[in-house]
């Protein structure tokens, strides 16, 4: 991510949405906790969602950061979710999805 974008994200966006980020961190912590042991789960992290068309041109990364995530259409997010329900690589994983 370019330096100006990183600075805006860290010092403006994350502060504005700190409660949402805190809720997300608590949810992910609970999902990974021993209380959820034996549960099949997947955390999907899309970037900014758009109303664009279905392209199927998205990239994914399991348990690793995705290089330069830009945005993702809601249609492509839905496509990923519906086509990867049974994908064992995504079970008990954090998946980043973006263009």
N, C-alpha and C. Protein backbone atom coordinates (compact mmCIF):
# COMPACT_ATOMS: atom_id res chain seq x y z
N UNK A 1 0.85 -1.17 0.00
CA UNK A 1 0.00 0.00 0.00
C UNK A 1 0.90 1.24 0.00
N UNK A 2 0.61 2.22 -0.81
CA UNK A 2 1.43 3.44 -0.84
C UNK A 2 1.42 4.13 0.53
N UNK A 3 2.51 4.83 0.83
CA UNK A 3 2.65 5.48 2.14
C UNK A 3 1.49 6.41 2.48
N UNK A 4 1.06 7.31 1.59
CA UNK A 4 -0.06 8.18 1.95
C UNK A 4 -1.33 7.40 2.31
N UNK A 5 -1.60 6.35 1.58
CA UNK A 5 -2.79 5.53 1.87
C UNK A 5 -2.65 4.83 3.21
N UNK A 6 -1.45 4.33 3.51
CA UNK A 6 -1.22 3.69 4.82
C UNK A 6 -1.42 4.68 5.95
N UNK A 7 -0.93 5.90 5.78
CA UNK A 7 -1.08 6.92 6.82
C UNK A 7 -2.54 7.29 7.04
N UNK A 8 -3.26 7.48 5.96
CA UNK A 8 -4.69 7.80 6.09
C UNK A 8 -5.44 6.65 6.74
N UNK A 9 -5.11 5.43 6.34
CA UNK A 9 -5.77 4.27 6.92
C UNK A 9 -5.48 4.19 8.42
N UNK A 10 -4.23 4.31 8.80
CA UNK A 10 -3.85 4.15 10.20
C UNK A 10 -4.36 5.29 11.07
N UNK A 11 -4.19 6.55 10.63
CA UNK A 11 -4.47 7.67 11.50
C UNK A 11 -5.86 8.29 11.33
N UNK A 12 -6.57 7.93 10.29
CA UNK A 12 -7.91 8.49 10.10
C UNK A 12 -8.96 7.37 10.12
N UNK A 13 -8.89 6.47 9.17
CA UNK A 13 -9.91 5.43 9.01
C UNK A 13 -10.00 4.54 10.25
N UNK A 14 -8.88 4.03 10.72
CA UNK A 14 -8.92 3.13 11.87
C UNK A 14 -9.41 3.84 13.13
N UNK A 15 -9.15 5.12 13.26
CA UNK A 15 -9.65 5.85 14.42
C UNK A 15 -11.14 6.13 14.30
N UNK A 16 -11.60 6.45 13.10
CA UNK A 16 -13.03 6.69 12.90
C UNK A 16 -13.85 5.43 13.15
N UNK A 17 -13.33 4.30 12.73
CA UNK A 17 -14.06 3.04 12.82
C UNK A 17 -13.49 2.13 13.90
N UNK A 18 -12.88 2.70 14.93
CA UNK A 18 -12.21 1.89 15.95
C UNK A 18 -13.17 0.92 16.64
N UNK A 19 -14.41 1.32 16.85
CA UNK A 19 -15.36 0.41 17.51
C UNK A 19 -15.68 -0.78 16.61
N UNK A 20 -15.83 -0.55 15.34
CA UNK A 20 -16.07 -1.65 14.40
C UNK A 20 -14.88 -2.59 14.31
N UNK A 21 -13.66 -2.02 14.29
CA UNK A 21 -12.46 -2.85 14.26
C UNK A 21 -12.33 -3.65 15.56
N UNK A 22 -12.67 -3.04 16.69
CA UNK A 22 -12.61 -3.75 17.97
C UNK A 22 -13.61 -4.89 18.00
N UNK A 23 -14.82 -4.66 17.49
CA UNK A 23 -15.82 -5.72 17.42
C UNK A 23 -15.34 -6.87 16.54
N UNK A 24 -14.73 -6.53 15.40
CA UNK A 24 -14.22 -7.55 14.49
C UNK A 24 -13.13 -8.38 15.17
N UNK A 25 -12.24 -7.71 15.89
CA UNK A 25 -11.15 -8.43 16.58
C UNK A 25 -11.72 -9.36 17.66
N UNK A 26 -12.74 -8.91 18.40
CA UNK A 26 -13.36 -9.77 19.42
C UNK A 26 -14.04 -10.97 18.78
N UNK A 27 -14.72 -10.75 17.66
CA UNK A 27 -15.40 -11.84 16.96
C UNK A 27 -14.38 -12.87 16.49
N UNK A 28 -13.31 -12.42 15.87
CA UNK A 28 -12.29 -13.35 15.38
C UNK A 28 -11.62 -14.09 16.53
N UNK A 29 -11.41 -13.41 17.64
CA UNK A 29 -10.83 -14.06 18.81
C UNK A 29 -11.75 -15.15 19.35
N UNK A 30 -13.04 -14.87 19.39
CA UNK A 30 -14.01 -15.87 19.86
C UNK A 30 -14.05 -17.07 18.93
N UNK A 31 -14.07 -16.81 17.62
CA UNK A 31 -14.14 -17.90 16.64
C UNK A 31 -12.94 -18.83 16.79
N UNK A 32 -11.78 -18.27 17.08
CA UNK A 32 -10.56 -19.06 17.22
C UNK A 32 -10.38 -19.67 18.61
N UNK A 33 -11.24 -19.33 19.54
CA UNK A 33 -11.08 -19.75 20.93
C UNK A 33 -11.39 -21.24 21.12
N UNK A 34 -10.96 -21.80 22.26
CA UNK A 34 -11.28 -23.20 22.56
C UNK A 34 -12.79 -23.46 22.63
N UNK A 35 -13.58 -22.43 22.93
CA UNK A 35 -15.03 -22.61 22.97
C UNK A 35 -15.58 -22.99 21.61
N UNK A 36 -14.90 -22.61 20.55
CA UNK A 36 -15.34 -22.93 19.19
C UNK A 36 -14.60 -24.14 18.63
N UNK A 37 -13.87 -24.84 19.49
CA UNK A 37 -13.09 -25.99 19.03
C UNK A 37 -13.99 -27.03 18.38
N UNK A 38 -13.57 -27.55 17.26
CA UNK A 38 -14.36 -28.54 16.53
C UNK A 38 -15.33 -27.92 15.54
N UNK A 39 -15.49 -26.61 15.61
CA UNK A 39 -16.39 -25.92 14.70
C UNK A 39 -15.66 -25.61 13.40
N UNK A 40 -16.35 -25.79 12.29
CA UNK A 40 -15.78 -25.41 10.99
C UNK A 40 -16.14 -23.94 10.77
N UNK A 41 -15.14 -23.12 10.61
CA UNK A 41 -15.36 -21.69 10.42
C UNK A 41 -14.40 -21.15 9.38
N UNK A 42 -14.79 -20.04 8.80
CA UNK A 42 -13.94 -19.28 7.89
C UNK A 42 -14.22 -17.81 8.12
N UNK A 43 -13.20 -17.02 8.29
CA UNK A 43 -13.34 -15.58 8.37
C UNK A 43 -12.95 -15.04 7.00
N UNK A 44 -13.86 -14.31 6.36
CA UNK A 44 -13.59 -13.73 5.05
C UNK A 44 -13.46 -12.22 5.21
N UNK A 45 -12.36 -11.68 4.75
CA UNK A 45 -12.09 -10.24 4.87
C UNK A 45 -12.03 -9.60 3.49
N UNK A 46 -13.13 -9.02 3.06
CA UNK A 46 -13.09 -8.27 1.80
C UNK A 46 -12.66 -6.83 2.09
N UNK A 47 -12.12 -6.13 1.10
CA UNK A 47 -11.82 -4.71 1.26
C UNK A 47 -13.10 -3.90 1.01
N UNK A 48 -12.95 -2.69 0.54
CA UNK A 48 -14.11 -1.85 0.24
C UNK A 48 -15.00 -2.54 -0.80
N UNK A 49 -16.28 -2.67 -0.48
CA UNK A 49 -17.21 -3.32 -1.41
C UNK A 49 -17.83 -2.31 -2.36
N UNK A 50 -18.00 -2.74 -3.60
CA UNK A 50 -18.60 -1.88 -4.63
C UNK A 50 -19.84 -2.56 -5.20
N UNK A 51 -20.58 -1.83 -6.00
CA UNK A 51 -21.75 -2.38 -6.67
C UNK A 51 -21.43 -2.85 -8.09
N UNK A 52 -20.19 -3.15 -8.35
CA UNK A 52 -19.75 -3.57 -9.68
C UNK A 52 -20.30 -4.93 -10.08
N UNK A 53 -20.05 -5.34 -11.32
CA UNK A 53 -20.56 -6.60 -11.83
C UNK A 53 -19.72 -7.80 -11.36
N UNK A 54 -20.25 -8.97 -11.59
CA UNK A 54 -19.52 -10.21 -11.32
C UNK A 54 -18.42 -10.36 -12.37
N UNK A 55 -17.18 -10.51 -11.92
CA UNK A 55 -16.05 -10.66 -12.86
C UNK A 55 -15.33 -11.99 -12.68
N UNK A 56 -15.39 -12.55 -11.49
CA UNK A 56 -14.65 -13.76 -11.12
C UNK A 56 -13.13 -13.53 -11.22
N UNK A 57 -12.69 -12.28 -11.20
CA UNK A 57 -11.27 -11.94 -11.36
C UNK A 57 -10.62 -11.57 -10.04
N UNK A 58 -11.17 -12.04 -8.94
CA UNK A 58 -10.62 -11.70 -7.63
C UNK A 58 -9.45 -12.62 -7.26
N UNK A 59 -8.67 -12.16 -6.29
CA UNK A 59 -7.55 -12.95 -5.76
C UNK A 59 -7.86 -13.29 -4.32
N UNK A 60 -7.25 -14.36 -3.81
CA UNK A 60 -7.46 -14.75 -2.42
C UNK A 60 -6.12 -15.09 -1.77
N UNK A 61 -6.11 -15.02 -0.45
CA UNK A 61 -4.95 -15.45 0.33
C UNK A 61 -5.48 -16.03 1.64
N UNK A 62 -5.08 -17.26 1.95
CA UNK A 62 -5.49 -17.90 3.19
C UNK A 62 -4.40 -17.71 4.24
N UNK A 63 -4.81 -17.19 5.39
CA UNK A 63 -3.91 -16.99 6.53
C UNK A 63 -2.67 -16.18 6.19
N UNK A 64 -2.81 -15.25 5.28
CA UNK A 64 -1.70 -14.37 4.88
C UNK A 64 -2.30 -13.08 4.33
N UNK A 65 -1.56 -12.00 4.43
CA UNK A 65 -2.08 -10.76 3.84
C UNK A 65 -2.07 -10.83 2.32
N UNK A 66 -3.05 -10.23 1.73
CA UNK A 66 -3.16 -10.16 0.27
C UNK A 66 -2.45 -8.88 -0.19
N UNK A 67 -1.56 -9.02 -1.12
CA UNK A 67 -0.80 -7.86 -1.61
C UNK A 67 -1.72 -6.87 -2.32
N UNK A 68 -1.64 -5.65 -1.92
CA UNK A 68 -2.36 -4.52 -2.53
C UNK A 68 -3.86 -4.79 -2.77
N UNK A 69 -4.63 -5.08 -1.73
CA UNK A 69 -6.07 -5.25 -1.94
C UNK A 69 -6.69 -3.90 -2.29
N UNK A 70 -7.53 -3.87 -3.29
CA UNK A 70 -8.11 -2.61 -3.72
C UNK A 70 -9.59 -2.53 -3.33
N UNK A 71 -10.41 -3.26 -3.99
CA UNK A 71 -11.85 -3.27 -3.72
C UNK A 71 -12.38 -4.61 -4.19
N UNK A 72 -13.67 -4.81 -4.05
CA UNK A 72 -14.30 -6.05 -4.49
C UNK A 72 -15.78 -5.77 -4.68
N UNK A 73 -16.34 -6.28 -5.76
CA UNK A 73 -17.78 -6.08 -5.95
C UNK A 73 -18.53 -7.05 -5.05
N UNK A 74 -19.71 -6.64 -4.65
CA UNK A 74 -20.56 -7.52 -3.83
C UNK A 74 -20.86 -8.81 -4.58
N UNK A 75 -21.01 -8.72 -5.89
CA UNK A 75 -21.29 -9.91 -6.70
C UNK A 75 -20.11 -10.89 -6.64
N UNK A 76 -18.88 -10.39 -6.71
CA UNK A 76 -17.71 -11.27 -6.63
C UNK A 76 -17.54 -11.84 -5.22
N UNK A 77 -17.86 -11.06 -4.20
CA UNK A 77 -17.81 -11.60 -2.83
C UNK A 77 -18.82 -12.73 -2.68
N UNK A 78 -20.03 -12.52 -3.17
CA UNK A 78 -21.05 -13.57 -3.11
C UNK A 78 -20.59 -14.81 -3.88
N UNK A 79 -19.99 -14.60 -5.04
CA UNK A 79 -19.49 -15.73 -5.83
C UNK A 79 -18.46 -16.51 -5.04
N UNK A 80 -17.52 -15.81 -4.42
CA UNK A 80 -16.50 -16.51 -3.62
C UNK A 80 -17.16 -17.31 -2.51
N UNK A 81 -18.05 -16.68 -1.75
CA UNK A 81 -18.69 -17.35 -0.62
C UNK A 81 -19.45 -18.61 -1.06
N UNK A 82 -20.19 -18.50 -2.14
CA UNK A 82 -21.01 -19.63 -2.59
C UNK A 82 -20.18 -20.75 -3.22
N UNK A 83 -19.07 -20.42 -3.83
CA UNK A 83 -18.28 -21.46 -4.49
C UNK A 83 -17.20 -22.07 -3.60
N UNK A 84 -17.00 -21.51 -2.40
CA UNK A 84 -15.96 -22.03 -1.52
C UNK A 84 -16.49 -22.55 -0.19
N UNK A 85 -17.77 -22.80 -0.11
CA UNK A 85 -18.36 -23.34 1.12
C UNK A 85 -17.69 -24.64 1.52
N UNK A 86 -17.41 -25.50 0.57
CA UNK A 86 -16.82 -26.80 0.85
C UNK A 86 -15.30 -26.84 0.64
N UNK A 87 -14.67 -25.70 0.45
CA UNK A 87 -13.23 -25.64 0.22
C UNK A 87 -12.49 -25.86 1.54
N UNK A 88 -11.87 -27.01 1.70
CA UNK A 88 -11.20 -27.36 2.96
C UNK A 88 -10.01 -26.45 3.27
N UNK A 89 -9.41 -25.83 2.25
CA UNK A 89 -8.30 -24.90 2.51
C UNK A 89 -8.79 -23.68 3.28
N UNK A 90 -10.08 -23.34 3.11
CA UNK A 90 -10.63 -22.16 3.77
C UNK A 90 -11.19 -22.47 5.16
N UNK A 91 -11.31 -23.75 5.50
CA UNK A 91 -11.84 -24.10 6.82
C UNK A 91 -10.81 -23.75 7.89
N UNK A 92 -11.29 -23.11 8.95
CA UNK A 92 -10.44 -22.68 10.07
C UNK A 92 -9.32 -21.77 9.56
N UNK A 93 -9.68 -20.87 8.65
CA UNK A 93 -8.70 -19.95 8.06
C UNK A 93 -9.29 -18.55 7.95
N UNK A 94 -8.41 -17.58 7.87
CA UNK A 94 -8.79 -16.20 7.58
C UNK A 94 -8.44 -15.99 6.11
N UNK A 95 -9.44 -15.64 5.31
CA UNK A 95 -9.26 -15.50 3.87
C UNK A 95 -9.47 -14.04 3.48
N UNK A 96 -8.50 -13.48 2.81
CA UNK A 96 -8.65 -12.13 2.25
C UNK A 96 -9.00 -12.30 0.78
N UNK A 97 -10.01 -11.54 0.33
CA UNK A 97 -10.49 -11.61 -1.04
C UNK A 97 -10.52 -10.18 -1.61
N UNK A 98 -9.91 -9.97 -2.76
CA UNK A 98 -9.90 -8.64 -3.37
C UNK A 98 -9.46 -8.75 -4.82
N UNK A 99 -9.56 -7.63 -5.54
CA UNK A 99 -9.03 -7.55 -6.91
C UNK A 99 -7.55 -7.30 -6.84
